[in-house]
Every structure is written in C-alpha cells, then in structure tokens.
Amino acid sequence: MKKILKGQIVSNKMTNTVVVKVETIKVHPKYRKRYTSSKKYKADTAGNIFEIGDKVLIEESRPLSKDKCWKVVKK
C-alpha cells in the first residue's frame, strides 16, 4: 500500500520537480495541546504545469533521485 499525502506547492523552480509542504496536526503527549508541524517533500511531475500555492496529492514511489521518492497524483 502506497502512502498518499495532501499538501501545497511551495516551489516549482526545478524541471519536472516541485516542492510540496505537508502539514500535520499533532497533540502534545503531556499538555494535550494541538499544534501543527510541517515537512517538505520533493515530488516528480510530468511537466511544469503546477503553480505555487496549488493543492496537490502526492503518492510514494520508488527512489527517483537522491531525495525525490514521491510523485504528484492530481491537483
């Protein structure tokens, strides 16, 4: 089963690659306070058709380069 994450495009300056920021809501174990943490993933695209701020779904894939192992599924 491949993981699917939802995020927002932060950068599209590379060819066939976008940087996607994924935010998750966590709960502190002691204080029970909710907070958001974010992580950036590099994802493969078919072309440069995405703009900064687009909401996308990314899917886990085989390693495509040193730090790129995600593909953009849909907008």
PDB file of N, CA and C in Angstrom:
ATOM      1  N   MET A   1       0.846  -1.187   0.000  1.00  0.00           N
ATOM      2  CA  MET A   1       0.000   0.000   0.000  1.00  0.00           C
ATOM      3  C   MET A   1       0.886   1.243   0.000  1.00  0.00           C
ATOM      4  N   LYS A   2       0.677   2.129  -0.967  1.00  0.00           N
ATOM      5  CA  LYS A   2       1.468   3.340  -1.072  1.00  0.00           C
ATOM      6  C   LYS A   2       0.840   4.447  -0.240  1.00  0.00           C
ATOM      7  N   LYS A   3       1.685   5.264   0.395  1.00  0.00           N
ATOM      8  CA  LYS A   3       1.195   6.386   1.175  1.00  0.00           C
ATOM      9  C   LYS A   3       0.771   7.506   0.238  1.00  0.00           C
ATOM     10  N   ILE A   4      -0.286   8.199   0.607  1.00  0.00           N
ATOM     11  CA  ILE A   4      -0.766   9.359  -0.143  1.00  0.00           C
ATOM     12  C   ILE A   4      -0.880  10.518   0.838  1.00  0.00           C
ATOM     13  N   LEU A   5      -0.268  11.649   0.492  1.00  0.00           N
ATOM     14  CA  LEU A   5      -0.286  12.834   1.336  1.00  0.00           C
ATOM     15  C   LEU A   5      -0.880  14.015   0.578  1.00  0.00           C
ATOM     16  N   LYS A   6      -1.474  14.934   1.327  1.00  0.00           N
ATOM     17  CA  LYS A   6      -2.068  16.134   0.748  1.00  0.00           C
ATOM     18  C   LYS A   6      -1.241  17.342   1.180  1.00  0.00           C
ATOM     19  N   GLY A   7      -0.875  18.194   0.237  1.00  0.00           N
ATOM     20  CA  GLY A   7      -0.059  19.350   0.585  1.00  0.00           C
ATOM     21  C   GLY A   7      -0.205  20.487  -0.402  1.00  0.00           C
ATOM     22  N   GLN A   8       0.639  21.490  -0.196  1.00  0.00           N
ATOM     23  CA  GLN A   8       0.603  22.708  -1.008  1.00  0.00           C
ATOM     24  C   GLN A   8       1.977  22.915  -1.632  1.00  0.00           C
ATOM     25  N   ILE A   9       1.994  23.334  -2.893  1.00  0.00           N
ATOM     26  CA  ILE A   9       3.248  23.533  -3.603  1.00  0.00           C
ATOM     27  C   ILE A   9       3.910  24.825  -3.114  1.00  0.00           C
ATOM     28  N   VAL A  10       5.191  24.702  -2.750  1.00  0.00           N
ATOM     29  CA  VAL A  10       5.955  25.831  -2.233  1.00  0.00           C
ATOM     30  C   VAL A  10       6.922  26.350  -3.278  1.00  0.00           C
ATOM     31  N   SER A  11       7.481  25.456  -4.105  1.00  0.00           N
ATOM     32  CA  SER A  11       8.457  25.870  -5.107  1.00  0.00           C
ATOM     33  C   SER A  11       8.295  25.012  -6.358  1.00  0.00           C
ATOM     34  N   ASN A  12       8.457  25.643  -7.529  1.00  0.00           N
ATOM     35  CA  ASN A  12       8.402  24.918  -8.800  1.00  0.00           C
ATOM     36  C   ASN A  12       9.547  25.343  -9.720  1.00  0.00           C
ATOM     37  N   LYS A  13      10.687  25.708  -9.154  1.00  0.00           N
ATOM     38  CA  LYS A  13      11.804  26.232  -9.935  1.00  0.00           C
ATOM     39  C   LYS A  13      12.614  25.147 -10.641  1.00  0.00           C
ATOM     40  N   MET A  14      12.525  23.890 -10.160  1.00  0.00           N
ATOM     41  CA  MET A  14      13.277  22.804 -10.782  1.00  0.00           C
ATOM     42  C   MET A  14      12.496  22.228 -11.954  1.00  0.00           C
ATOM     43  N   THR A  15      13.185  21.583 -12.874  1.00  0.00           N
ATOM     44  CA  THR A  15      12.500  20.966 -14.007  1.00  0.00           C
ATOM     45  C   THR A  15      11.966  19.608 -13.578  1.00  0.00           C
ATOM     46  N   ASN A  16      10.700  19.367 -13.860  1.00  0.00           N
ATOM     47  CA  ASN A  16       9.997  18.121 -13.548  1.00  0.00           C
ATOM     48  C   ASN A  16       9.966  17.802 -12.060  1.00  0.00           C
ATOM     49  N   THR A  17      10.162  18.784 -11.199  1.00  0.00           N
ATOM     50  CA  THR A  17      10.134  18.577  -9.750  1.00  0.00           C
ATOM     51  C   THR A  17       9.470  19.763  -9.076  1.00  0.00           C
ATOM     52  N   VAL A  18       8.656  19.472  -8.069  1.00  0.00           N
ATOM     53  CA  VAL A  18       8.067  20.516  -7.233  1.00  0.00           C
ATOM     54  C   VAL A  18       8.331  20.177  -5.775  1.00  0.00           C
ATOM     55  N   VAL A  19       8.337  21.206  -4.935  1.00  0.00           N
ATOM     56  CA  VAL A  19       8.487  21.015  -3.501  1.00  0.00           C
ATOM     57  C   VAL A  19       7.107  21.196  -2.884  1.00  0.00           C
ATOM     58  N   VAL A  20       6.657  20.170  -2.139  1.00  0.00           N
ATOM     59  CA  VAL A  20       5.323  20.167  -1.552  1.00  0.00           C
ATOM     60  C   VAL A  20       5.454  20.209  -0.036  1.00  0.00           C
ATOM     61  N   LYS A  21       4.743  21.143   0.602  1.00  0.00           N
ATOM     62  CA  LYS A  21       4.748  21.269   2.056  1.00  0.00           C
ATOM     63  C   LYS A  21       3.497  20.580   2.604  1.00  0.00           C
ATOM     64  N   VAL A  22       3.719  19.589   3.472  1.00  0.00           N
ATOM     65  CA  VAL A  22       2.630  18.829   4.068  1.00  0.00           C
ATOM     66  C   VAL A  22       2.548  19.181   5.541  1.00  0.00           C
ATOM     67  N   GLU A  23       1.365  19.611   5.990  1.00  0.00           N
ATOM     68  CA  GLU A  23       1.158  19.971   7.388  1.00  0.00           C
ATOM     69  C   GLU A  23       0.338  18.896   8.083  1.00  0.00           C
ATOM     70  N   THR A  24       0.775  18.527   9.289  1.00  0.00           N
ATOM     71  CA  THR A  24       0.039  17.556  10.098  1.00  0.00           C
ATOM     72  C   THR A  24      -0.262  18.166  11.457  1.00  0.00           C
ATOM     73  N   ILE A  25      -1.396  17.798  12.022  1.00  0.00           N
ATOM     74  CA  ILE A  25      -1.787  18.273  13.347  1.00  0.00           C
ATOM     75  C   ILE A  25      -1.433  17.186  14.348  1.00  0.00           C
ATOM     76  N   LYS A  26      -0.666  17.576  15.370  1.00  0.00           N
ATOM     77  CA  LYS A  26      -0.241  16.638  16.409  1.00  0.00           C
ATOM     78  C   LYS A  26      -0.754  17.118  17.755  1.00  0.00           C
ATOM     79  N   VAL A  27      -0.767  16.197  18.729  1.00  0.00           N
ATOM     80  CA  VAL A  27      -1.187  16.528  20.084  1.00  0.00           C
ATOM     81  C   VAL A  27      -0.006  16.280  21.014  1.00  0.00           C
ATOM     82  N   HIS A  28       0.301  17.265  21.851  1.00  0.00           N
ATOM     83  CA  HIS A  28       1.401  17.116  22.786  1.00  0.00           C
ATOM     84  C   HIS A  28       1.044  16.051  23.826  1.00  0.00           C
ATOM     85  N   PRO A  29       1.965  15.109  24.107  1.00  0.00           N
ATOM     86  CA  PRO A  29       1.607  13.998  24.998  1.00  0.00           C
ATOM     87  C   PRO A  29       1.296  14.404  26.441  1.00  0.00           C
ATOM     88  N   LYS A  30       1.971  15.418  26.943  1.00  0.00           N
ATOM     89  CA  LYS A  30       1.746  15.819  28.334  1.00  0.00           C
ATOM     90  C   LYS A  30       0.666  16.885  28.480  1.00  0.00           C
ATOM     91  N   TYR A  31       0.726  17.931  27.659  1.00  0.00           N
ATOM     92  CA  TYR A  31      -0.162  19.078  27.822  1.00  0.00           C
ATOM     93  C   TYR A  31      -1.434  18.998  26.997  1.00  0.00           C
ATOM     94  N   ARG A  32      -1.554  18.003  26.113  1.00  0.00           N
ATOM     95  CA  ARG A  32      -2.753  17.797  25.282  1.00  0.00           C
ATOM     96  C   ARG A  32      -3.100  19.005  24.422  1.00  0.00           C
ATOM     97  N   LYS A  33      -2.082  19.769  24.057  1.00  0.00           N
ATOM     98  CA  LYS A  33      -2.282  20.943  23.212  1.00  0.00           C
ATOM     99  C   LYS A  33      -2.060  20.540  21.759  1.00  0.00           C
ATOM    100  N   ARG A  34      -2.909  21.000  20.855  1.00  0.00           N
ATOM    101  CA  ARG A  34      -2.740  20.712  19.432  1.00  0.00           C
ATOM    102  C   ARG A  34      -1.783  21.725  18.815  1.00  0.00           C
ATOM    103  N   TYR A  35      -0.930  21.228  17.919  1.00  0.00           N
ATOM    104  CA  TYR A  35      -0.023  22.091  17.185  1.00  0.00           C
ATOM    105  C   TYR A  35       0.218  21.489  15.808  1.00  0.00           C
ATOM    106  N   THR A  36       0.627  22.347  14.868  1.00  0.00           N
ATOM    107  CA  THR A  36       0.873  21.874  13.514  1.00  0.00           C
ATOM    108  C   THR A  36       2.366  21.765  13.279  1.00  0.00           C
ATOM    109  N   SER A  37       2.757  20.689  12.623  1.00  0.00           N
ATOM    110  CA  SER A  37       4.137  20.547  12.191  1.00  0.00           C
ATOM    111  C   SER A  37       4.109  20.329  10.688  1.00  0.00           C
ATOM    112  N   SER A  38       5.153  20.789  10.006  1.00  0.00           N
ATOM    113  CA  SER A  38       5.165  20.683   8.555  1.00  0.00           C
ATOM    114  C   SER A  38       6.467  20.054   8.091  1.00  0.00           C
ATOM    115  N   LYS A  39       6.407  19.418   6.930  1.00  0.00           N
ATOM    116  CA  LYS A  39       7.573  18.813   6.325  1.00  0.00           C
ATOM    117  C   LYS A  39       7.482  19.034   4.824  1.00  0.00           C
ATOM    118  N   LYS A  40       8.643  19.214   4.182  1.00  0.00           N
ATOM    119  CA  LYS A  40       8.676  19.443   2.745  1.00  0.00           C
ATOM    120  C   LYS A  40       9.162  18.191   2.032  1.00  0.00           C
ATOM    121  N   TYR A  41       8.492  17.850   0.934  1.00  0.00           N
ATOM    122  CA  TYR A  41       8.847  16.704   0.118  1.00  0.00           C
ATOM    123  C   TYR A  41       9.080  17.168  -1.310  1.00  0.00           C
ATOM    124  N   LYS A  42      10.062  16.560  -1.983  1.00  0.00           N
ATOM    125  CA  LYS A  42      10.262  16.811  -3.404  1.00  0.00           C
ATOM    126  C   LYS A  42       9.490  15.752  -4.173  1.00  0.00           C
ATOM    127  N   ALA A  43       8.676  16.201  -5.126  1.00  0.00           N
ATOM    128  CA  ALA A  43       7.812  15.294  -5.871  1.00  0.00           C
ATOM    129  C   ALA A  43       8.035  15.452  -7.369  1.00  0.00           C
ATOM    130  N   ASP A  44       7.899  14.353  -8.089  1.00  0.00           N
ATOM    131  CA  ASP A  44       8.102  14.325  -9.533  1.00  0.00           C
ATOM    132  C   ASP A  44       6.816  14.726 -10.245  1.00  0.00           C
ATOM    133  N   THR A  45       6.961  15.486 -11.333  1.00  0.00           N
ATOM    134  CA  THR A  45       5.813  15.883 -12.148  1.00  0.00           C
ATOM    135  C   THR A  45       6.083  15.526 -13.602  1.00  0.00           C
ATOM    136  N   ALA A  46       5.023  15.439 -14.399  1.00  0.00           N
ATOM    137  CA  ALA A  46       5.183  15.137 -15.822  1.00  0.00           C
ATOM    138  C   ALA A  46       5.759  16.332 -16.566  1.00  0.00           C
ATOM    139  N   GLY A  47       5.415  17.524 -16.135  1.00  0.00           N
ATOM    140  CA  GLY A  47       5.909  18.750 -16.763  1.00  0.00           C
ATOM    141  C   GLY A  47       5.778  19.884 -15.778  1.00  0.00           C
ATOM    142  N   ASN A  48       6.080  21.083 -16.207  1.00  0.00           N
ATOM    143  CA  ASN A  48       5.978  22.248 -15.328  1.00  0.00           C
ATOM    144  C   ASN A  48       4.587  22.872 -15.459  1.00  0.00           C
ATOM    145  N   ILE A  49       3.572  22.137 -15.011  1.00  0.00           N
ATOM    146  CA  ILE A  49       2.188  22.608 -15.150  1.00  0.00           C
ATOM    147  C   ILE A  49       1.610  23.092 -13.837  1.00  0.00           C
ATOM    148  N   PHE A  50       2.379  23.026 -12.744  1.00  0.00           N
ATOM    149  CA  PHE A  50       1.867  23.407 -11.435  1.00  0.00           C
ATOM    150  C   PHE A  50       2.416  24.762 -11.023  1.00  0.00           C
ATOM    151  N   GLU A  51       1.591  25.525 -10.318  1.00  0.00           N
ATOM    152  CA  GLU A  51       1.967  26.846  -9.837  1.00  0.00           C
ATOM    153  C   GLU A  51       2.121  26.815  -8.317  1.00  0.00           C
ATOM    154  N   ILE A  52       2.805  27.809  -7.783  1.00  0.00           N
ATOM    155  CA  ILE A  52       2.969  27.919  -6.333  1.00  0.00           C
ATOM    156  C   ILE A  52       1.605  28.187  -5.703  1.00  0.00           C
ATOM    157  N   GLY A  53       1.283  27.441  -4.654  1.00  0.00           N
ATOM    158  CA  GLY A  53       0.007  27.595  -3.960  1.00  0.00           C
ATOM    159  C   GLY A  53      -1.021  26.557  -4.341  1.00  0.00           C
ATOM    160  N   ASP A  54      -0.774  25.747  -5.352  1.00  0.00           N
ATOM    161  CA  ASP A  54      -1.722  24.701  -5.755  1.00  0.00           C
ATOM    162  C   ASP A  54      -1.777  23.608  -4.697  1.00  0.00           C
ATOM    163  N   LYS A  55      -2.971  23.093  -4.447  1.00  0.00           N
ATOM    164  CA  LYS A  55      -3.151  21.958  -3.543  1.00  0.00           C
ATOM    165  C   LYS A  55      -3.037  20.686  -4.377  1.00  0.00           C
ATOM    166  N   VAL A  56      -2.190  19.749  -3.934  1.00  0.00           N
ATOM    167  CA  VAL A  56      -1.949  18.526  -4.700  1.00  0.00           C
ATOM    168  C   VAL A  56      -1.939  17.309  -3.785  1.00  0.00           C
ATOM    169  N   LEU A  57      -2.127  16.145  -4.399  1.00  0.00           N
ATOM    170  CA  LEU A  57      -1.948  14.871  -3.725  1.00  0.00           C
ATOM    171  C   LEU A  57      -0.662  14.250  -4.245  1.00  0.00           C
ATOM    172  N   ILE A  58       0.189  13.762  -3.329  1.00  0.00           N
ATOM    173  CA  ILE A  58       1.421  13.101  -3.741  1.00  0.00           C
ATOM    174  C   ILE A  58       1.389  11.655  -3.263  1.00  0.00           C
ATOM    175  N   GLU A  59       1.995  10.778  -4.070  1.00  0.00           N
ATOM    176  CA  GLU A  59       1.993   9.353  -3.785  1.00  0.00           C
ATOM    177  C   GLU A  59       3.428   8.846  -3.711  1.00  0.00           C
ATOM    178  N   GLU A  60       3.677   7.941  -2.789  1.00  0.00           N
ATOM    179  CA  GLU A  60       5.001   7.364  -2.624  1.00  0.00           C
ATOM    180  C   GLU A  60       5.368   6.523  -3.844  1.00  0.00           C
ATOM    181  N   SER A  61       6.636   6.565  -4.234  1.00  0.00           N
ATOM    182  CA  SER A  61       7.089   5.786  -5.387  1.00  0.00           C
ATOM    183  C   SER A  61       8.515   5.306  -5.127  1.00  0.00           C
ATOM    184  N   ARG A  62       9.087   4.681  -6.112  1.00  0.00           N
ATOM    185  CA  ARG A  62      10.468   4.214  -5.976  1.00  0.00           C
ATOM    186  C   ARG A  62      11.392   5.431  -5.963  1.00  0.00           C
ATOM    187  N   PRO A  63      12.614   5.308  -5.460  1.00  0.00           N
ATOM    188  CA  PRO A  63      13.529   6.452  -5.466  1.00  0.00           C
ATOM    189  C   PRO A  63      13.860   6.895  -6.891  1.00  0.00           C
ATOM    190  N   LEU A  64      13.610   8.167  -7.178  1.00  0.00           N
ATOM    191  CA  LEU A  64      13.860   8.721  -8.497  1.00  0.00           C
ATOM    192  C   LEU A  64      15.177   9.496  -8.539  1.00  0.00           C
ATOM    193  N   SER A  65      15.636   9.971  -7.396  1.00  0.00           N
ATOM    194  CA  SER A  65      16.929  10.637  -7.282  1.00  0.00           C
ATOM    195  C   SER A  65      17.342  10.537  -5.818  1.00  0.00           C
ATOM    196  N   LYS A  66      18.333  11.327  -5.426  1.00  0.00           N
ATOM    197  CA  LYS A  66      18.846  11.250  -4.056  1.00  0.00           C
ATOM    198  C   LYS A  66      17.767  11.528  -3.006  1.00  0.00           C
ATOM    199  N   ASP A  67      16.971  12.580  -3.208  1.00  0.00           N
ATOM    200  CA  ASP A  67      15.931  12.894  -2.228  1.00  0.00           C
ATOM    201  C   ASP A  67      14.543  13.041  -2.845  1.00  0.00           C
ATOM    202  N   LYS A  68      14.295  12.432  -3.977  1.00  0.00           N
ATOM    203  CA  LYS A  68      12.971  12.504  -4.614  1.00  0.00           C
ATOM    204  C   LYS A  68      12.401  11.100  -4.735  1.00  0.00           C
ATOM    205  N   CYS A  69      11.369  10.804  -3.926  1.00  0.00           N
ATOM    206  CA  CYS A  69      10.720   9.492  -3.994  1.00  0.00           C
ATOM    207  C   CYS A  69       9.200   9.633  -3.871  1.00  0.00           C
ATOM    208  N   TRP A  70       8.648  10.720  -4.397  1.00  0.00           N
ATOM    209  CA  TRP A  70       7.207  10.968  -4.408  1.00  0.00           C
ATOM    210  C   TRP A  70       6.803  11.411  -5.808  1.00  0.00           C
ATOM    211  N   LYS A  71       5.558  11.131  -6.188  1.00  0.00           N
ATOM    212  CA  LYS A  71       5.009  11.587  -7.468  1.00  0.00           C
ATOM    213  C   LYS A  71       3.720  12.338  -7.214  1.00  0.00           C
ATOM    214  N   VAL A  72       3.483  13.372  -8.005  1.00  0.00           N
ATOM    215  CA  VAL A  72       2.226  14.126  -7.910  1.00  0.00           C
ATOM    216  C   VAL A  72       1.143  13.329  -8.614  1.00  0.00           C
ATOM    217  N   VAL A  73       0.061  13.041  -7.890  1.00  0.00           N
ATOM    218  CA  VAL A  73      -1.029  12.240  -8.452  1.00  0.00           C
ATOM    219  C   VAL A  73      -2.041  13.130  -9.165  1.00  0.00           C
ATOM    220  N   LYS A  74      -2.567  14.147  -8.445  1.00  0.00           N
ATOM    221  CA  LYS A  74      -3.531  15.039  -9.081  1.00  0.00           C
ATOM    222  C   LYS A  74      -3.562  16.370  -8.349  1.00  0.00           C
ATOM    223  N   LYS A  75      -4.160  17.350  -9.013  1.00  0.00           N
ATOM    224  CA  LYS A  75      -4.270  18.709  -8.498  1.00  0.00           C
ATOM    225  C   LYS A  75      -5.434  18.821  -7.544  1.00  0.00           C
TER     226      LYS A  75
END
